[in-house]
């Protein structure tokens, strides 16, 4: 069998499903619309799935035996559950589902607006809109966009911190009840040791998935949220260093998409280790003891994202 290394197909293919959003990389307004539409679809899925699971939920049967996808996550966050992980109120689940549907409508409308009414290239509209336009060879503007993304991610991490420490608490499988996490671990040695698999000075192959208490979980979110927000401010105010631009070159939109997919692959694989083995974050009361399907799903999604990274990285180097 002869293996071709010709990049002509990679560069010139017109199959839009294979190129993905990369076909919009020079259309800042259209790409923004696609992002909003995708976010709207995610919100719509979350809202409809949550409400449908509430409607068919049977209180006397464990969640994992009912094939539920999202309600176990909401229960883990302490919504609607009491001692022993027993669901005492499904109304919070319904409200959360409705809020996601409302958000999906707003995001979907924004996506449609940017696709059909707003300028395809934000710069062409002038005024404040032009401030959000970007060019792939403009590291300052790309840093501005990256910085805002990082700040939003950091605020998301702090939402969990606020919920666990001040708004009702979260479910602790070791206690068998919902509790406030009043003393999160802030010791950087303890938190960052997980990155190299160290817990209590003992190496664990699961790495960060070896965490077994909520104090470390929430403390880690405090550190991650703070780092993300500070990193976002850094990127908004300062351009990337020359050595960073050399190590992670950005010559076109394909490379940004490739890096994003690589990040998704990494998160999916880390998530798989948590889903498969960590009962502190995924309590058996809600997820059961057999997680093969969920773990395999995370692994497969990670592989697909990594394949996407390879594909778009190849395209980026072929058209640069």
Protein backbone atom coordinates (compact mmCIF):
# COMPACT_ATOMS: atom_id res chain seq x y z
CA UNK A 1 0.00 0.00 0.00
CA UNK A 2 1.31 3.42 -0.97
CA UNK A 3 0.78 6.23 1.53
CA UNK A 4 0.62 9.68 -0.03
CA UNK A 5 1.90 12.76 1.77
CA UNK A 6 0.49 15.14 -0.83
CA UNK A 7 -1.20 18.08 0.91
CA UNK A 8 -3.20 19.25 -2.11
CA UNK A 9 -6.44 17.73 -0.82
CA UNK A 10 -5.84 19.15 2.64
CA UNK A 11 -5.40 22.64 1.23
CA UNK A 12 -7.98 22.69 -1.53
CA UNK A 13 -10.82 20.52 -0.29
CA UNK A 14 -14.21 22.24 -0.56
CA UNK A 15 -16.05 19.81 1.72
CA UNK A 16 -17.55 22.24 4.21
CA UNK A 17 -18.37 19.51 6.75
CA UNK A 18 -14.70 18.54 6.78
CA UNK A 19 -13.39 22.09 6.98
CA UNK A 20 -15.80 23.12 9.72
CA UNK A 21 -15.73 26.70 10.96
CA UNK A 22 -12.36 27.18 9.30
CA UNK A 23 -14.23 28.35 6.19
CA UNK A 24 -15.27 31.42 8.21
CA UNK A 25 -11.83 32.33 9.51
CA UNK A 26 -11.61 35.51 7.41
CA UNK A 27 -15.17 36.57 8.22
CA UNK A 28 -15.07 37.83 11.80
CA UNK A 29 -18.79 38.64 11.94
CA UNK A 30 -19.88 35.32 10.47
CA UNK A 31 -17.54 33.40 12.78
CA UNK A 32 -19.00 35.22 15.79
CA UNK A 33 -22.47 34.25 14.59
CA UNK A 34 -21.40 30.61 14.31
CA UNK A 35 -19.99 30.69 17.84
CA UNK A 36 -23.22 32.13 19.23
CA UNK A 37 -25.32 29.60 17.32
CA UNK A 38 -23.21 26.71 18.61
CA UNK A 39 -23.53 28.00 22.17
CA UNK A 40 -27.28 28.29 21.64
CA UNK A 41 -27.48 24.68 20.47
CA UNK A 42 -25.57 23.51 23.53
CA UNK A 43 -27.88 25.47 25.80
CA UNK A 44 -30.93 24.12 23.97
CA UNK A 45 -29.72 20.54 24.38
CA UNK A 46 -29.04 21.10 28.08
CA UNK A 47 -32.43 22.71 28.66
CA UNK A 48 -34.54 20.18 26.76
CA UNK A 49 -32.63 17.21 28.17
CA UNK A 50 -32.97 18.48 31.73
CA UNK A 51 -36.71 19.08 31.44
CA UNK A 52 -37.33 15.73 29.71
CA UNK A 53 -35.40 13.95 32.47
CA UNK A 54 -37.43 15.75 35.15
CA UNK A 55 -40.67 14.65 33.46
CA UNK A 56 -39.67 10.98 33.43
CA UNK A 57 -37.79 10.90 36.73
CA UNK A 58 -38.93 8.24 39.23
CA UNK A 59 -37.87 9.16 42.81
CA UNK A 60 -37.77 5.57 44.09
CA UNK A 61 -35.33 4.37 41.42
CA UNK A 62 -31.63 5.39 41.47
CA UNK A 63 -30.69 7.93 38.83
CA UNK A 64 -28.11 5.68 37.22
CA UNK A 65 -30.74 2.98 36.65
CA UNK A 66 -32.94 5.45 34.78
CA UNK A 67 -30.34 6.37 32.19
CA UNK A 68 -30.27 10.02 33.22
CA UNK A 69 -27.54 12.27 31.85
CA UNK A 70 -27.84 15.71 33.45
CA UNK A 71 -29.84 15.27 36.65
CA UNK A 72 -26.95 13.40 38.35
CA UNK A 73 -24.73 16.43 37.74
CA UNK A 74 -27.31 18.80 39.22
CA UNK A 75 -27.75 16.51 42.22
CA UNK A 76 -23.98 16.42 42.72
CA UNK A 77 -24.08 20.22 42.90
CA UNK A 78 -26.51 19.92 45.81
CA UNK A 79 -29.67 20.92 44.01
CA UNK A 80 -32.83 19.15 45.20
CA UNK A 81 -31.15 16.39 47.25
CA UNK A 82 -30.95 15.54 50.92
CA UNK A 83 -29.46 12.89 53.18
CA UNK A 84 -28.28 9.75 51.42
CA UNK A 85 -28.52 11.43 48.06
CA UNK A 86 -32.30 11.14 48.03
CA UNK A 87 -34.02 13.59 45.71
CA UNK A 88 -36.42 15.69 47.75
CA UNK A 89 -37.35 18.39 45.21
CA UNK A 90 -37.22 18.32 41.40
CA UNK A 91 -38.38 21.92 40.97
CA UNK A 92 -34.78 23.32 40.91
CA UNK A 93 -34.04 20.99 37.99
CA UNK A 94 -37.03 22.32 36.07
CA UNK A 95 -36.00 25.93 36.72
CA UNK A 96 -32.44 25.25 35.58
CA UNK A 97 -33.75 23.61 32.41
CA UNK A 98 -35.99 26.59 31.63
CA UNK A 99 -33.12 29.04 32.23
CA UNK A 100 -31.03 27.11 29.72
CA UNK A 101 -33.84 27.28 27.17
CA UNK A 102 -34.13 31.04 27.65
CA UNK A 103 -30.37 31.39 27.23
CA UNK A 104 -30.51 29.25 24.08
CA UNK A 105 -33.12 31.56 22.58
CA UNK A 106 -31.01 34.64 23.29
CA UNK A 107 -27.84 33.04 21.92
CA UNK A 108 -29.66 31.64 18.90
CA UNK A 109 -31.12 35.06 18.09
CA UNK A 110 -27.65 36.57 18.38
CA UNK A 111 -26.25 33.93 16.06
CA UNK A 112 -28.97 34.52 13.46
CA UNK A 113 -28.46 38.28 13.71
CA UNK A 114 -24.74 38.02 13.01
CA UNK A 115 -25.31 35.58 10.16
CA UNK A 116 -28.11 37.40 8.33
CA UNK A 117 -28.12 41.06 9.41
CA UNK A 118 -24.75 42.05 10.82
CA UNK A 119 -21.69 42.63 8.60
CA UNK A 120 -19.77 39.52 7.60
CA UNK A 121 -16.58 41.36 8.54
CA UNK A 122 -16.94 43.42 11.73
CA UNK A 123 -14.40 46.00 10.59
CA UNK A 124 -16.68 47.03 7.72
CA UNK A 125 -19.36 48.30 10.09
CA UNK A 126 -17.11 50.88 11.75
CA UNK A 127 -17.75 52.37 15.18
CA UNK A 128 -17.60 50.19 18.28
CA UNK A 129 -18.30 47.07 16.23
CA UNK A 130 -14.96 47.41 14.48
CA UNK A 131 -13.18 47.08 17.84
CA UNK A 132 -14.08 43.40 17.88
CA UNK A 133 -12.63 42.68 14.45
CA UNK A 134 -9.40 40.70 14.34
CA UNK A 135 -6.65 39.68 11.97
CA UNK A 136 -4.68 36.49 12.45
CA UNK A 137 -1.37 38.37 12.20
CA UNK A 138 -2.37 40.85 14.93
CA UNK A 139 -1.21 39.33 18.26
CA UNK A 140 -2.53 42.27 20.27
CA UNK A 141 -6.12 41.81 19.10
CA UNK A 142 -5.91 38.03 19.44
CA UNK A 143 -4.60 38.51 22.97
CA UNK A 144 -7.60 40.75 23.71
CA UNK A 145 -10.00 38.02 22.56
CA UNK A 146 -8.12 35.27 24.40
CA UNK A 147 -8.01 37.36 27.55
CA UNK A 148 -11.78 37.83 27.65
CA UNK A 149 -12.28 34.09 27.09
CA UNK A 150 -9.97 33.27 30.00
CA UNK A 151 -11.75 35.70 32.32
CA UNK A 152 -15.13 34.14 31.51
CA UNK A 153 -13.73 30.67 32.19
CA UNK A 154 -12.29 31.90 35.49
CA UNK A 155 -15.65 33.35 36.53
CA UNK A 156 -17.23 30.00 35.67
CA UNK A 157 -14.82 28.25 38.03
CA UNK A 158 -15.73 30.71 40.78
CA UNK A 159 -19.44 29.98 40.28
CA UNK A 160 -18.77 26.48 41.61
CA UNK A 161 -16.78 27.96 44.48
CA UNK A 162 -19.64 30.31 45.39
CA UNK A 163 -22.20 27.49 45.19
CA UNK A 164 -20.16 25.16 47.37
CA UNK A 165 -19.12 27.75 49.98
CA UNK A 166 -22.10 30.10 50.24
CA UNK A 167 -25.18 28.95 48.31
CA UNK A 168 -26.40 25.73 49.89
CA UNK A 169 -23.23 23.70 49.43
CA UNK A 170 -22.65 20.59 47.31
CA UNK A 171 -23.12 16.87 47.85
CA UNK A 172 -20.42 15.05 49.80
CA UNK A 173 -20.53 11.31 49.15
CA UNK A 174 -18.32 10.65 52.19
CA UNK A 175 -20.84 12.38 54.45
CA UNK A 176 -23.89 11.23 52.52
CA UNK A 177 -25.42 14.71 52.52
CA UNK A 178 -25.16 18.23 51.13
CA UNK A 179 -22.76 20.50 53.02
CA UNK A 180 -20.96 23.81 52.76
CA UNK A 181 -17.25 23.66 52.01
CA UNK A 182 -16.13 26.23 54.53
CA UNK A 183 -12.37 25.57 54.50
CA UNK A 184 -11.17 24.92 50.93
CA UNK A 185 -7.55 23.91 50.52
CA UNK A 186 -5.47 26.91 49.45
CA UNK A 187 -2.00 25.43 50.05
CA UNK A 188 -0.35 25.58 46.61
CA UNK A 189 1.91 22.63 47.39
CA UNK A 190 -1.11 20.42 48.04
CA UNK A 191 -3.07 21.66 45.02
CA UNK A 192 -0.31 21.66 42.41
CA UNK A 193 1.12 18.33 43.56
CA UNK A 194 -1.92 16.75 41.92
CA UNK A 195 -0.58 17.84 38.53
CA UNK A 196 2.30 15.39 38.87
CA UNK A 197 0.18 12.72 40.55
CA UNK A 198 1.32 13.37 44.12
CA UNK A 199 -1.18 13.14 46.96
CA UNK A 200 0.04 13.04 50.56
CA UNK A 201 3.57 12.56 49.18
CA UNK A 202 2.49 9.36 47.42
CA UNK A 203 2.37 9.06 43.65
CA UNK A 204 -0.97 8.07 42.09
CA UNK A 205 -1.32 7.13 38.40
CA UNK A 206 -4.67 8.97 38.18
CA UNK A 207 -3.00 12.34 38.73
CA UNK A 208 -5.53 15.04 39.56
CA UNK A 209 -8.31 12.44 39.42
CA UNK A 210 -6.93 10.98 42.67
CA UNK A 211 -8.48 13.84 44.69
CA UNK A 212 -10.71 12.38 47.41
CA UNK A 213 -12.13 15.35 49.34
CA UNK A 214 -14.21 18.40 48.49
CA UNK A 215 -11.80 20.80 50.21
CA UNK A 216 -9.12 20.01 47.63
CA UNK A 217 -11.66 20.06 44.78
CA UNK A 218 -12.93 23.53 45.65
CA UNK A 219 -9.47 24.80 46.54
CA UNK A 220 -8.31 23.70 43.10
CA UNK A 221 -11.15 25.65 41.50
CA UNK A 222 -10.14 28.75 43.46
CA UNK A 223 -6.59 28.46 42.17
CA UNK A 224 -7.66 27.68 38.61
CA UNK A 225 -10.23 30.50 38.58
CA UNK A 226 -7.69 32.99 39.90
CA UNK A 227 -5.03 31.92 37.40
CA UNK A 228 -7.50 32.15 34.51
CA UNK A 229 -8.65 35.65 35.47
CA UNK A 230 -5.09 36.91 35.99
CA UNK A 231 -4.06 35.27 32.73
CA UNK A 232 -6.98 36.95 30.98
CA UNK A 233 -5.95 40.36 32.29
CA UNK A 234 -2.36 39.65 31.25
CA UNK A 235 -3.37 38.82 27.67
CA UNK A 236 -5.64 41.85 27.42
CA UNK A 237 -2.89 44.24 28.50
CA UNK A 238 0.22 42.62 27.00
CA UNK A 239 1.12 40.95 23.73
CA UNK A 240 2.49 37.40 23.73
CA UNK A 241 6.28 37.18 24.07
CA UNK A 242 8.29 36.56 20.92
CA UNK A 243 9.31 33.06 22.06
CA UNK A 244 5.64 32.20 22.66
CA UNK A 245 4.70 33.33 19.15
CA UNK A 246 7.54 31.21 17.81
CA UNK A 247 6.58 28.15 19.86
CA UNK A 248 2.84 28.53 19.14
CA UNK A 249 2.71 30.27 15.77
CA UNK A 250 -0.58 31.74 14.58
CA UNK A 251 -0.56 32.49 10.87
CA UNK A 252 -4.18 31.71 10.10
CA UNK A 253 -7.47 30.72 11.70
CA UNK A 254 -6.84 27.01 11.16
CA UNK A 255 -4.14 27.08 13.82
CA UNK A 256 -6.46 28.69 16.39
CA UNK A 257 -9.06 26.01 15.66
CA UNK A 258 -6.41 23.30 15.93
CA UNK A 259 -5.21 24.55 19.34
CA UNK A 260 -8.81 24.72 20.56
CA UNK A 261 -9.47 21.13 19.52
CA UNK A 262 -6.28 19.98 21.22
CA UNK A 263 -7.48 21.63 24.44
CA UNK A 264 -10.85 19.87 24.11
CA UNK A 265 -9.11 16.52 23.62
CA UNK A 266 -7.03 17.05 26.76
CA UNK A 267 -10.09 18.00 28.82
CA UNK A 268 -12.02 14.98 27.54
CA UNK A 269 -9.24 12.58 28.54
CA UNK A 270 -8.87 14.15 31.98
CA UNK A 271 -12.65 13.96 32.38
CA UNK A 272 -12.57 10.27 31.45
CA UNK A 273 -10.26 9.52 34.37
CA UNK A 274 -12.59 11.36 36.75
CA UNK A 275 -15.73 9.69 35.38
CA UNK A 276 -14.18 6.25 35.49
CA UNK A 277 -12.52 6.28 38.89
CA UNK A 278 -13.33 9.31 41.07
CA UNK A 279 -16.34 8.81 43.33
CA UNK A 280 -15.83 12.11 45.18
CA UNK A 281 -16.68 14.13 42.08
CA UNK A 282 -18.98 11.46 40.60
CA UNK A 283 -20.78 9.95 43.63
CA UNK A 284 -22.04 6.40 43.24
CA UNK A 285 -25.40 7.52 44.65
CA UNK A 286 -26.08 9.31 41.36
CA UNK A 287 -23.79 7.64 38.83
CA UNK A 288 -23.62 4.05 40.08
CA UNK A 289 -20.45 2.00 40.24
CA UNK A 290 -20.26 1.05 36.55
CA UNK A 291 -19.16 3.96 34.37
CA UNK A 292 -17.95 2.15 31.26
CA UNK A 293 -20.29 3.88 28.80
CA UNK A 294 -19.67 7.36 30.16
CA UNK A 295 -15.91 6.81 30.34
CA UNK A 296 -15.76 5.36 26.83
CA UNK A 297 -17.80 8.30 25.53
CA UNK A 298 -15.32 10.79 27.00
CA UNK A 299 -12.39 8.87 25.55
CA UNK A 300 -13.97 8.68 22.09
CA UNK A 301 -14.84 12.39 22.11
CA UNK A 302 -11.23 13.10 23.09
CA UNK A 303 -9.95 11.01 20.19
CA UNK A 304 -12.29 12.78 17.76
CA UNK A 305 -11.13 16.18 19.01
CA UNK A 306 -7.50 15.10 18.68
CA UNK A 307 -8.11 13.90 15.12
CA UNK A 308 -9.64 17.32 14.43
CA UNK A 309 -6.53 18.94 15.88
CA UNK A 310 -4.30 16.90 13.57
CA UNK A 311 -6.49 17.67 10.55
CA UNK A 312 -6.69 21.42 11.08
CA UNK A 313 -3.04 21.64 12.12
CA UNK A 314 -2.12 19.93 8.84
CA UNK A 315 -4.35 22.33 6.92
CA UNK A 316 -2.80 25.29 8.73
CA UNK A 317 0.70 24.29 7.69
CA UNK A 318 -0.46 23.48 4.17
CA UNK A 319 -1.99 26.87 3.44
CA UNK A 320 0.52 29.03 5.33
